[in-house]
C-alpha atoms as a PDB file:
ATOM      1  CA  UNK A   1       0.094  -0.029   0.057  1.00  0.00           C
ATOM      2  CA  UNK A   2       2.909   2.350   0.836  1.00  0.00           C
ATOM      3  CA  UNK A   3       4.546   1.848  -2.582  1.00  0.00           C
ATOM      4  CA  UNK A   4       1.341   2.752  -4.333  1.00  0.00           C
ATOM      5  CA  UNK A   5       1.238   6.040  -2.429  1.00  0.00           C
ATOM      6  CA  UNK A   6       4.901   6.850  -2.336  1.00  0.00           C
ATOM      7  CA  UNK A   7       5.631   7.267  -5.963  1.00  0.00           C
ATOM      8  CA  UNK A   8       2.736   9.807  -6.958  1.00  0.00           C
ATOM      9  CA  UNK A   9       3.632  11.677  -3.723  1.00  0.00           C
ATOM     10  CA  UNK A  10       7.235  11.882  -4.514  1.00  0.00           C
ATOM     11  CA  UNK A  11       6.343  13.094  -7.968  1.00  0.00           C
ATOM     12  CA  UNK A  12       3.982  15.703  -6.356  1.00  0.00           C
ATOM     13  CA  UNK A  13       6.519  17.136  -4.010  1.00  0.00           C
ATOM     14  CA  UNK A  14       9.234  17.358  -6.811  1.00  0.00           C
ATOM     15  CA  UNK A  15       6.648  19.117  -9.000  1.00  0.00           C
ATOM     16  CA  UNK A  16       5.712  21.616  -6.410  1.00  0.00           C
ATOM     17  CA  UNK A  17       9.449  22.268  -5.592  1.00  0.00           C
ATOM     18  CA  UNK A  18      10.247  23.098  -9.285  1.00  0.00           C
ATOM     19  CA  UNK A  19       7.239  25.498  -9.522  1.00  0.00           C
ATOM     20  CA  UNK A  20       8.141  27.086  -6.228  1.00  0.00           C
ATOM     21  CA  UNK A  21      11.888  27.646  -7.532  1.00  0.00           C
ATOM     22  CA  UNK A  22      10.538  28.893 -10.826  1.00  0.00           C
ATOM     23  CA  UNK A  23       8.238  31.334  -9.187  1.00  0.00           C
ATOM     24  CA  UNK A  24      10.982  32.514  -6.874  1.00  0.00           C
ATOM     25  CA  UNK A  25      13.391  32.950  -9.779  1.00  0.00           C
ATOM     26  CA  UNK A  26      10.844  35.026 -11.815  1.00  0.00           C
ATOM     27  CA  UNK A  27       9.817  37.355  -8.988  1.00  0.00           C
ATOM     28  CA  UNK A  28      13.095  37.829  -6.868  1.00  0.00           C
ATOM     29  CA  UNK A  29      16.124  36.574  -8.877  1.00  0.00           C
ATOM     30  CA  UNK A  30      18.823  38.207  -6.721  1.00  0.00           C
ATOM     31  CA  UNK A  31      17.718  36.631  -3.457  1.00  0.00           C
ATOM     32  CA  UNK A  32      17.142  33.459  -5.164  1.00  0.00           C
ATOM     33  CA  UNK A  33      20.667  33.419  -6.512  1.00  0.00           C
ATOM     34  CA  UNK A  34      22.099  34.507  -3.235  1.00  0.00           C
ATOM     35  CA  UNK A  35      20.016  31.682  -1.401  1.00  0.00           C
ATOM     36  CA  UNK A  36      21.501  29.153  -3.968  1.00  0.00           C
ATOM     37  CA  UNK A  37      25.073  30.314  -3.577  1.00  0.00           C
ATOM     38  CA  UNK A  38      24.929  30.315   0.424  1.00  0.00           C
ATOM     39  CA  UNK A  39      23.376  26.840   0.187  1.00  0.00           C
ATOM     40  CA  UNK A  40      26.108  25.542  -1.910  1.00  0.00           C
ATOM     41  CA  UNK A  41      28.804  27.236   0.499  1.00  0.00           C
ATOM     42  CA  UNK A  42      27.105  25.720   3.659  1.00  0.00           C
ATOM     43  CA  UNK A  43      27.035  22.292   1.975  1.00  0.00           C
ATOM     44  CA  UNK A  44      30.595  22.427   0.941  1.00  0.00           C
ATOM     45  CA  UNK A  45      31.636  23.627   4.369  1.00  0.00           C
ATOM     46  CA  UNK A  46      29.758  20.703   5.940  1.00  0.00           C
ATOM     47  CA  UNK A  47      31.060  18.121   3.482  1.00  0.00           C
ATOM     48  CA  UNK A  48      34.738  19.361   4.016  1.00  0.00           C
ATOM     49  CA  UNK A  49      34.416  19.250   7.836  1.00  0.00           C
ATOM     50  CA  UNK A  50      32.990  15.699   7.766  1.00  0.00           C
ATOM     51  CA  UNK A  51      35.659  14.636   5.258  1.00  0.00           C
ATOM     52  CA  UNK A  52      38.391  15.976   7.216  1.00  0.00           C
ATOM     53  CA  UNK A  53      37.112  14.384  10.451  1.00  0.00           C
ATOM     54  CA  UNK A  54      36.854  10.936   8.812  1.00  0.00           C
ATOM     55  CA  UNK A  55      40.145  11.247   6.862  1.00  0.00           C
ATOM     56  CA  UNK A  56      41.802  11.912  10.129  1.00  0.00           C
ATOM     57  CA  UNK A  57      40.318   8.999  11.897  1.00  0.00           C
ATOM     58  CA  UNK A  58      41.263   6.566   9.137  1.00  0.00           C
ATOM     59  CA  UNK A  59      44.461   8.474   8.035  1.00  0.00           C
ATOM     60  CA  UNK A  60      46.883   6.914  10.285  1.00  0.00           C
ATOM     61  CA  UNK A  61      46.399   7.690  14.041  1.00  0.00           C
ATOM     62  CA  UNK A  62      45.439   4.087  14.951  1.00  0.00           C
ATOM     63  CA  UNK A  63      47.816   1.720  16.542  1.00  0.00           C
ATOM     64  CA  UNK A  64      47.746  -0.742  13.766  1.00  0.00           C
ATOM     65  CA  UNK A  65      49.020   2.118  11.463  1.00  0.00           C
ATOM     66  CA  UNK A  66      51.682   3.433  13.722  1.00  0.00           C
ATOM     67  CA  UNK A  67      52.986  -0.199  13.970  1.00  0.00           C
ATOM     68  CA  UNK A  68      52.955  -0.379  10.171  1.00  0.00           C
ATOM     69  CA  UNK A  69      54.921   2.936   9.722  1.00  0.00           C
ATOM     70  CA  UNK A  70      57.335   1.714  12.378  1.00  0.00           C
ATOM     71  CA  UNK A  71      58.039  -1.483  10.498  1.00  0.00           C
ATOM     72  CA  UNK A  72      58.488   0.505   7.273  1.00  0.00           C
ATOM     73  CA  UNK A  73      61.096   2.763   8.917  1.00  0.00           C
ATOM     74  CA  UNK A  74      62.848  -0.159  10.299  1.00  0.00           C
ATOM     75  CA  UNK A  75      62.908  -1.857   6.761  1.00  0.00           C
ATOM     76  CA  UNK A  76      64.197   1.254   5.211  1.00  0.00           C
ATOM     77  CA  UNK A  77      66.996   1.595   7.822  1.00  0.00           C
ATOM     78  CA  UNK A  78      68.032  -2.179   7.293  1.00  0.00           C
ATOM     79  CA  UNK A  79      67.569  -2.546   3.509  1.00  0.00           C
ATOM     80  CA  UNK A  80      67.658   1.020   2.188  1.00  0.00           C
ATOM     81  CA  UNK A  81      65.268   2.877  -0.166  1.00  0.00           C
ATOM     82  CA  UNK A  82      64.341   0.125  -2.822  1.00  0.00           C
ATOM     83  CA  UNK A  83      62.283   2.472  -4.857  1.00  0.00           C
ATOM     84  CA  UNK A  84      65.188   3.437  -7.125  1.00  0.00           C
ATOM     85  CA  UNK A  85      65.087   1.688 -10.485  1.00  0.00           C
ATOM     86  CA  UNK A  86      67.879   0.720 -12.712  1.00  0.00           C
ATOM     87  CA  UNK A  87      66.672   3.134 -15.409  1.00  0.00           C
ATOM     88  CA  UNK A  88      67.365   6.171 -13.146  1.00  0.00           C
ATOM     89  CA  UNK A  89      70.980   4.721 -12.602  1.00  0.00           C
ATOM     90  CA  UNK A  90      71.199   4.147 -16.258  1.00  0.00           C
ATOM     91  CA  UNK A  91      70.253   7.921 -17.042  1.00  0.00           C
ATOM     92  CA  UNK A  92      72.930   9.102 -14.752  1.00  0.00           C
ATOM     93  CA  UNK A  93      75.729   7.077 -16.536  1.00  0.00           C
ATOM     94  CA  UNK A  94      77.336   7.831 -19.786  1.00  0.00           C
ATOM     95  CA  UNK A  95      76.304   5.698 -22.675  1.00  0.00           C
ATOM     96  CA  UNK A  96      79.876   4.345 -23.152  1.00  0.00           C
ATOM     97  CA  UNK A  97      79.886   2.959 -19.761  1.00  0.00           C
ATOM     98  CA  UNK A  98      76.518   1.326 -20.095  1.00  0.00           C
ATOM     99  CA  UNK A  99      77.503  -0.686 -23.124  1.00  0.00           C
ATOM    100  CA  UNK A 100      80.958  -1.807 -21.591  1.00  0.00           C
ATOM    101  CA  UNK A 101      79.518  -2.793 -18.236  1.00  0.00           C
ATOM    102  CA  UNK A 102      79.038  -6.460 -17.562  1.00  0.00           C
ATOM    103  CA  UNK A 103      76.365  -7.434 -15.041  1.00  0.00           C
ATOM    104  CA  UNK A 104      77.399 -10.395 -12.837  1.00  0.00           C
ATOM    105  CA  UNK A 105      74.832 -13.302 -12.906  1.00  0.00           C
ATOM    106  CA  UNK A 106      75.777 -15.093  -9.493  1.00  0.00           C
ATOM    107  CA  UNK A 107      74.051 -13.927  -6.372  1.00  0.00           C
ATOM    108  CA  UNK A 108      76.044 -12.682  -3.503  1.00  0.00           C
ATOM    109  CA  UNK A 109      75.840 -14.674  -0.383  1.00  0.00           C
ATOM    110  CA  UNK A 110      74.660 -11.716   1.685  1.00  0.00           C
ATOM    111  CA  UNK A 111      71.146 -11.964   0.344  1.00  0.00           C
ATOM    112  CA  UNK A 112      70.987 -15.601   1.166  1.00  0.00           C
ATOM    113  CA  UNK A 113      72.515 -15.199   4.729  1.00  0.00           C
ATOM    114  CA  UNK A 114      69.968 -12.575   5.786  1.00  0.00           C
ATOM    115  CA  UNK A 115      66.974 -14.296   5.328  1.00  0.00           C
ATOM    116  CA  UNK A 116      63.406 -12.928   4.502  1.00  0.00           C
ATOM    117  CA  UNK A 117      62.262  -9.436   5.455  1.00  0.00           C
ATOM    118  CA  UNK A 118      59.262 -10.270   7.750  1.00  0.00           C
ATOM    119  CA  UNK A 119      57.706  -8.380  10.672  1.00  0.00           C
ATOM    120  CA  UNK A 120      54.717  -9.569  12.650  1.00  0.00           C
ATOM    121  CA  UNK A 121      52.302  -6.862  13.437  1.00  0.00           C
ATOM    122  CA  UNK A 122      50.036  -7.872  16.386  1.00  0.00           C
ATOM    123  CA  UNK A 123      46.496  -8.338  15.734  1.00  0.00           C
ATOM    124  CA  UNK A 124      43.616 -10.668  16.291  1.00  0.00           C
ATOM    125  CA  UNK A 125      45.239 -13.780  15.329  1.00  0.00           C
ATOM    126  CA  UNK A 126      43.486 -16.205  17.568  1.00  0.00           C
ATOM    127  CA  UNK A 127      40.000 -15.545  16.404  1.00  0.00           C
ATOM    128  CA  UNK A 128      38.608 -18.365  14.320  1.00  0.00           C
ATOM    129  CA  UNK A 129      35.681 -18.167  12.090  1.00  0.00           C
ATOM    130  CA  UNK A 130      32.652 -20.143  13.252  1.00  0.00           C
ATOM    131  CA  UNK A 131      32.016 -22.091  10.220  1.00  0.00           C
ATOM    132  CA  UNK A 132      28.925 -23.893  11.431  1.00  0.00           C
ATOM    133  CA  UNK A 133      26.976 -20.628  11.595  1.00  0.00           C
ATOM    134  CA  UNK A 134      27.622 -20.015   7.698  1.00  0.00           C
END
């Protein structure tokens, strides 16, 4: 029953709103435009404040994010910054040195000796899914 009434009622409200806005635009254009600009400004301000609050909450102030950043910092101290690529090194070298340089194909023993780079970040490891409830 509610669906039968809701659709025509929604159309009637939208039609009345369009008629009211048109009448206000024709009779008092300056105040209408001022009201529209003020409404848009207030909406932008509210959206900006809400976005700022939620982005700060999710942005890295949690304990998990602090642990992650600490692990990244320790990794960079141990292994250095690995973001540099061979193309940036090649662009700094002269073309004659690039052609004559021979790359060694054997791995150094240091990489095998150190082992994998793993760090455990504490979390809810003991929680198991209750598969019977699915």
